[in-house]
Amino acid sequence: MTEIPRERGRVPGSTMDEELDVSYAKQMLDTYPRSFNLDAGLLAAAIDALADCGQACDACADACLGEQDVANLVKCVRLNLDCADVCATTKRVLSRQTEYDANVTRALVQACVASCKACGDECEQHGEHGMEHCRVCAEACRRCEQACTQLLEAMNA
């Protein structure tokens, strides 16, 4: 699977010329004034994957609407839009760690795994038939599904 690059950002204290591949989610978690129960690296990876997946799903739904045979892509569009919404909500909840409710967070991450799997499965089928936007979206869904699964395992440990 091809790694989808994360946003580039500045490392605190660096000059404008010293950009590195860095996660804004990780930078924010590193500045958090309290301790929290989850591994910051796993949490940041999940937040980044959620952001990437949501964006890919929104773009894929739009690209599907531009295809010649839209009628055969209705399920794909629906799954893309649902996955984008679930990812966006999960990302926002994971980004807020103060007094979070583990049961609510766990349920959202589980829903995200299910949504990413369903959307990834659907997009993968279209990607195999030459729809490049679906192939890219399927990759983003698989990466997000994996990151959320790893986070769930850490939450349940």
C-alpha atoms as a PDB file:
ATOM      1  CA  MET A   1       0.000   0.000   0.000  1.00  0.00           C
ATOM      2  CA  THR A   2       1.309   3.448  -0.898  1.00  0.00           C
ATOM      3  CA  GLU A   3       1.837   5.761   2.045  1.00  0.00           C
ATOM      4  CA  ILE A   4      -0.235   8.913   1.784  1.00  0.00           C
ATOM      5  CA  PRO A   5       1.916  11.877   2.827  1.00  0.00           C
ATOM      6  CA  ARG A   6       0.902  13.981   5.781  1.00  0.00           C
ATOM      7  CA  GLU A   7       0.765  17.749   5.753  1.00  0.00           C
ATOM      8  CA  ARG A   8       4.055  19.493   6.008  1.00  0.00           C
ATOM      9  CA  GLY A   9       4.502  21.813   8.908  1.00  0.00           C
ATOM     10  CA  ARG A  10       7.026  23.789  10.810  1.00  0.00           C
ATOM     11  CA  VAL A  11       8.803  22.405  13.786  1.00  0.00           C
ATOM     12  CA  PRO A  12       8.482  24.823  16.723  1.00  0.00           C
ATOM     13  CA  GLY A  13      11.574  27.041  16.846  1.00  0.00           C
ATOM     14  CA  SER A  14      12.587  26.292  13.251  1.00  0.00           C
ATOM     15  CA  THR A  15      13.043  28.774  10.455  1.00  0.00           C
ATOM     16  CA  MET A  16      10.702  28.874   7.461  1.00  0.00           C
ATOM     17  CA  ASP A  17      13.290  26.895   5.456  1.00  0.00           C
ATOM     18  CA  GLU A  18      13.372  24.047   7.962  1.00  0.00           C
ATOM     19  CA  GLU A  19      10.094  22.307   7.160  1.00  0.00           C
ATOM     20  CA  LEU A  20       9.749  18.647   8.044  1.00  0.00           C
ATOM     21  CA  ASP A  21       7.023  16.080   7.555  1.00  0.00           C
ATOM     22  CA  VAL A  22       5.333  16.652  10.888  1.00  0.00           C
ATOM     23  CA  SER A  23       1.882  16.083  12.259  1.00  0.00           C
ATOM     24  CA  TYR A  24       0.004  19.075  13.585  1.00  0.00           C
ATOM     25  CA  ALA A  25      -2.044  16.645  15.674  1.00  0.00           C
ATOM     26  CA  LYS A  26       1.167  15.378  17.313  1.00  0.00           C
ATOM     27  CA  GLN A  27       2.418  18.921  17.885  1.00  0.00           C
ATOM     28  CA  MET A  28      -0.859  19.829  19.594  1.00  0.00           C
ATOM     29  CA  LEU A  29      -0.854  16.680  21.722  1.00  0.00           C
ATOM     30  CA  ASP A  30       2.735  17.409  22.758  1.00  0.00           C
ATOM     31  CA  THR A  31       1.623  20.821  24.052  1.00  0.00           C
ATOM     32  CA  TYR A  32      -1.330  19.408  25.985  1.00  0.00           C
ATOM     33  CA  PRO A  33      -1.293  20.721  29.572  1.00  0.00           C
ATOM     34  CA  ARG A  34      -2.521  17.461  31.130  1.00  0.00           C
ATOM     35  CA  SER A  35      -1.560  13.834  30.800  1.00  0.00           C
ATOM     36  CA  PHE A  36      -3.906  11.446  29.047  1.00  0.00           C
ATOM     37  CA  ASN A  37      -4.265   7.675  28.970  1.00  0.00           C
ATOM     38  CA  LEU A  38      -3.532   7.053  25.283  1.00  0.00           C
ATOM     39  CA  ASP A  39      -0.207   6.890  23.493  1.00  0.00           C
ATOM     40  CA  ALA A  40       0.241  10.291  21.825  1.00  0.00           C
ATOM     41  CA  GLY A  41       1.837   8.731  18.732  1.00  0.00           C
ATOM     42  CA  LEU A  42      -1.080   6.357  18.140  1.00  0.00           C
ATOM     43  CA  LEU A  43      -3.583   9.097  18.823  1.00  0.00           C
ATOM     44  CA  ALA A  44      -1.874  11.538  16.434  1.00  0.00           C
ATOM     45  CA  ALA A  45      -1.591   8.856  13.734  1.00  0.00           C
ATOM     46  CA  ALA A  46      -5.316   8.175  14.018  1.00  0.00           C
ATOM     47  CA  ILE A  47      -6.200  11.889  13.888  1.00  0.00           C
ATOM     48  CA  ASP A  48      -4.007  12.379  10.815  1.00  0.00           C
ATOM     49  CA  ALA A  49      -5.446   9.290   9.095  1.00  0.00           C
ATOM     50  CA  LEU A  50      -8.985  10.468   9.880  1.00  0.00           C
ATOM     51  CA  ALA A  51      -8.301  13.878   8.336  1.00  0.00           C
ATOM     52  CA  ASP A  52      -6.774  12.325   5.207  1.00  0.00           C
ATOM     53  CA  CYS A  53      -9.555   9.761   4.848  1.00  0.00           C
ATOM     54  CA  GLY A  54     -12.323  12.318   5.259  1.00  0.00           C
ATOM     55  CA  GLN A  55     -10.771  14.527   2.598  1.00  0.00           C
ATOM     56  CA  ALA A  56     -10.228  11.584   0.220  1.00  0.00           C
ATOM     57  CA  CYS A  57     -13.818  10.401   0.693  1.00  0.00           C
ATOM     58  CA  ASP A  58     -15.255  13.860   0.005  1.00  0.00           C
ATOM     59  CA  ALA A  59     -13.128  14.188  -3.133  1.00  0.00           C
ATOM     60  CA  CYS A  60     -13.961  10.656  -4.295  1.00  0.00           C
ATOM     61  CA  ALA A  61     -17.708  11.248  -3.901  1.00  0.00           C
ATOM     62  CA  ASP A  62     -17.374  14.381  -5.994  1.00  0.00           C
ATOM     63  CA  ALA A  63     -15.294  12.574  -8.639  1.00  0.00           C
ATOM     64  CA  CYS A  64     -17.867   9.748  -8.778  1.00  0.00           C
ATOM     65  CA  LEU A  65     -20.544  12.347  -9.541  1.00  0.00           C
ATOM     66  CA  GLY A  66     -18.438  13.441 -12.505  1.00  0.00           C
ATOM     67  CA  GLU A  67     -18.239   9.943 -13.994  1.00  0.00           C
ATOM     68  CA  GLN A  68     -20.289   8.910 -17.051  1.00  0.00           C
ATOM     69  CA  ASP A  69     -22.231   6.125 -15.295  1.00  0.00           C
ATOM     70  CA  VAL A  70     -23.235   7.839 -12.042  1.00  0.00           C
ATOM     71  CA  ALA A  71     -26.185   5.483 -11.535  1.00  0.00           C
ATOM     72  CA  ASN A  72     -23.790   2.589 -10.864  1.00  0.00           C
ATOM     73  CA  LEU A  73     -21.850   4.672  -8.347  1.00  0.00           C
ATOM     74  CA  VAL A  74     -24.693   5.681  -6.027  1.00  0.00           C
ATOM     75  CA  LYS A  75     -23.617   3.231  -3.314  1.00  0.00           C
ATOM     76  CA  CYS A  76     -20.019   4.404  -3.604  1.00  0.00           C
ATOM     77  CA  VAL A  77     -21.042   8.059  -3.281  1.00  0.00           C
ATOM     78  CA  ARG A  78     -23.208   7.277  -0.259  1.00  0.00           C
ATOM     79  CA  LEU A  79     -20.459   5.292   1.485  1.00  0.00           C
ATOM     80  CA  ASN A  80     -17.934   8.038   0.705  1.00  0.00           C
ATOM     81  CA  LEU A  81     -20.133  10.738   2.218  1.00  0.00           C
ATOM     82  CA  ASP A  82     -20.960   8.621   5.273  1.00  0.00           C
ATOM     83  CA  CYS A  83     -17.292   7.757   5.808  1.00  0.00           C
ATOM     84  CA  ALA A  84     -16.239  11.397   5.439  1.00  0.00           C
ATOM     85  CA  ASP A  85     -18.786  12.432   8.084  1.00  0.00           C
ATOM     86  CA  VAL A  86     -17.831   9.645  10.495  1.00  0.00           C
ATOM     87  CA  CYS A  87     -14.130  10.449  10.064  1.00  0.00           C
ATOM     88  CA  ALA A  88     -14.684  14.171  10.625  1.00  0.00           C
ATOM     89  CA  THR A  89     -16.685  13.604  13.800  1.00  0.00           C
ATOM     90  CA  THR A  90     -14.253  11.018  15.153  1.00  0.00           C
ATOM     91  CA  LYS A  91     -11.294  13.309  14.409  1.00  0.00           C
ATOM     92  CA  ARG A  92     -12.914  16.166  16.308  1.00  0.00           C
ATOM     93  CA  VAL A  93     -13.726  13.991  19.335  1.00  0.00           C
ATOM     94  CA  LEU A  94     -10.236  12.439  19.410  1.00  0.00           C
ATOM     95  CA  SER A  95      -8.702  15.911  19.258  1.00  0.00           C
ATOM     96  CA  ARG A  96     -10.436  16.830  22.529  1.00  0.00           C
ATOM     97  CA  GLN A  97      -8.850  14.950  25.410  1.00  0.00           C
ATOM     98  CA  THR A  98     -10.020  16.964  28.425  1.00  0.00           C
ATOM     99  CA  GLU A  99     -12.398  14.820  30.477  1.00  0.00           C
ATOM    100  CA  TYR A 100     -13.262  12.638  27.516  1.00  0.00           C
ATOM    101  CA  ASP A 101     -15.675   9.734  27.899  1.00  0.00           C
ATOM    102  CA  ALA A 102     -13.871   6.553  26.882  1.00  0.00           C
ATOM    103  CA  ASN A 103     -17.125   4.765  26.051  1.00  0.00           C
ATOM    104  CA  VAL A 104     -18.235   7.474  23.610  1.00  0.00           C
ATOM    105  CA  THR A 105     -14.770   7.714  22.075  1.00  0.00           C
ATOM    106  CA  ARG A 106     -14.475   3.940  21.710  1.00  0.00           C
ATOM    107  CA  ALA A 107     -17.895   3.728  20.019  1.00  0.00           C
ATOM    108  CA  LEU A 108     -16.945   6.438  17.517  1.00  0.00           C
ATOM    109  CA  VAL A 109     -13.621   4.787  16.703  1.00  0.00           C
ATOM    110  CA  GLN A 110     -15.427   1.455  16.207  1.00  0.00           C
ATOM    111  CA  ALA A 111     -17.929   3.157  13.888  1.00  0.00           C
ATOM    112  CA  CYS A 112     -15.040   4.660  11.972  1.00  0.00           C
ATOM    113  CA  VAL A 113     -13.403   1.254  11.498  1.00  0.00           C
ATOM    114  CA  ALA A 114     -16.688  -0.134  10.149  1.00  0.00           C
ATOM    115  CA  SER A 115     -17.293   2.859   7.873  1.00  0.00           C
ATOM    116  CA  CYS A 116     -13.734   2.841   6.513  1.00  0.00           C
ATOM    117  CA  LYS A 117     -13.957  -0.893   5.825  1.00  0.00           C
ATOM    118  CA  ALA A 118     -17.268  -0.579   3.953  1.00  0.00           C
ATOM    119  CA  CYS A 119     -16.122   2.443   1.941  1.00  0.00           C
ATOM    120  CA  GLY A 120     -12.708   0.919   1.258  1.00  0.00           C
ATOM    121  CA  ASP A 121     -14.282  -2.326   0.038  1.00  0.00           C
ATOM    122  CA  GLU A 122     -16.611  -0.452  -2.330  1.00  0.00           C
ATOM    123  CA  CYS A 123     -13.942   1.908  -3.662  1.00  0.00           C
ATOM    124  CA  GLU A 124     -11.491  -0.940  -4.113  1.00  0.00           C
ATOM    125  CA  GLN A 125     -13.902  -2.624  -6.537  1.00  0.00           C
ATOM    126  CA  HIS A 126     -14.160   0.523  -8.663  1.00  0.00           C
ATOM    127  CA  GLY A 127     -10.436   1.175  -8.398  1.00  0.00           C
ATOM    128  CA  GLU A 128      -9.736  -2.242  -9.891  1.00  0.00           C
ATOM    129  CA  HIS A 129     -11.772  -1.142 -12.914  1.00  0.00           C
ATOM    130  CA  GLY A 130      -9.744   1.972 -13.662  1.00  0.00           C
ATOM    131  CA  MET A 131     -11.311   4.612 -11.433  1.00  0.00           C
ATOM    132  CA  GLU A 132      -8.126   6.073 -10.019  1.00  0.00           C
ATOM    133  CA  HIS A 133      -9.948   8.324  -7.527  1.00  0.00           C
ATOM    134  CA  CYS A 134     -11.560   5.236  -6.001  1.00  0.00           C
ATOM    135  CA  ARG A 135      -8.188   3.479  -5.771  1.00  0.00           C
ATOM    136  CA  VAL A 136      -6.702   6.431  -3.884  1.00  0.00           C
ATOM    137  CA  CYS A 137      -9.746   6.658  -1.634  1.00  0.00           C
ATOM    138  CA  ALA A 138      -9.581   2.928  -0.862  1.00  0.00           C
ATOM    139  CA  GLU A 139      -5.947   3.390   0.232  1.00  0.00           C
ATOM    140  CA  ALA A 140      -6.908   6.258   2.532  1.00  0.00           C
ATOM    141  CA  CYS A 141      -9.758   4.174   3.988  1.00  0.00           C
ATOM    142  CA  ARG A 142      -7.438   1.197   4.640  1.00  0.00           C
ATOM    143  CA  ARG A 143      -4.861   3.438   6.328  1.00  0.00           C
ATOM    144  CA  CYS A 144      -7.545   5.008   8.510  1.00  0.00           C
ATOM    145  CA  GLU A 145      -9.101   1.636   9.327  1.00  0.00           C
ATOM    146  CA  GLN A 146      -5.677   0.372  10.418  1.00  0.00           C
ATOM    147  CA  ALA A 147      -4.867   3.464  12.505  1.00  0.00           C
ATOM    148  CA  CYS A 148      -8.252   3.335  14.248  1.00  0.00           C
ATOM    149  CA  THR A 149      -7.923  -0.409  14.873  1.00  0.00           C
ATOM    150  CA  GLN A 150      -4.529   0.158  16.491  1.00  0.00           C
ATOM    151  CA  LEU A 151      -5.979   2.929  18.628  1.00  0.00           C
ATOM    152  CA  LEU A 152      -8.882   0.706  19.682  1.00  0.00           C
ATOM    153  CA  GLU A 153      -6.468  -2.030  20.706  1.00  0.00           C
ATOM    154  CA  ALA A 154      -4.587   0.491  22.865  1.00  0.00           C
ATOM    155  CA  MET A 155      -7.858   1.755  24.366  1.00  0.00           C
ATOM    156  CA  ASN A 156      -8.890  -1.797  25.251  1.00  0.00           C
ATOM    157  CA  ALA A 157      -5.521  -2.772  26.738  1.00  0.00           C
END
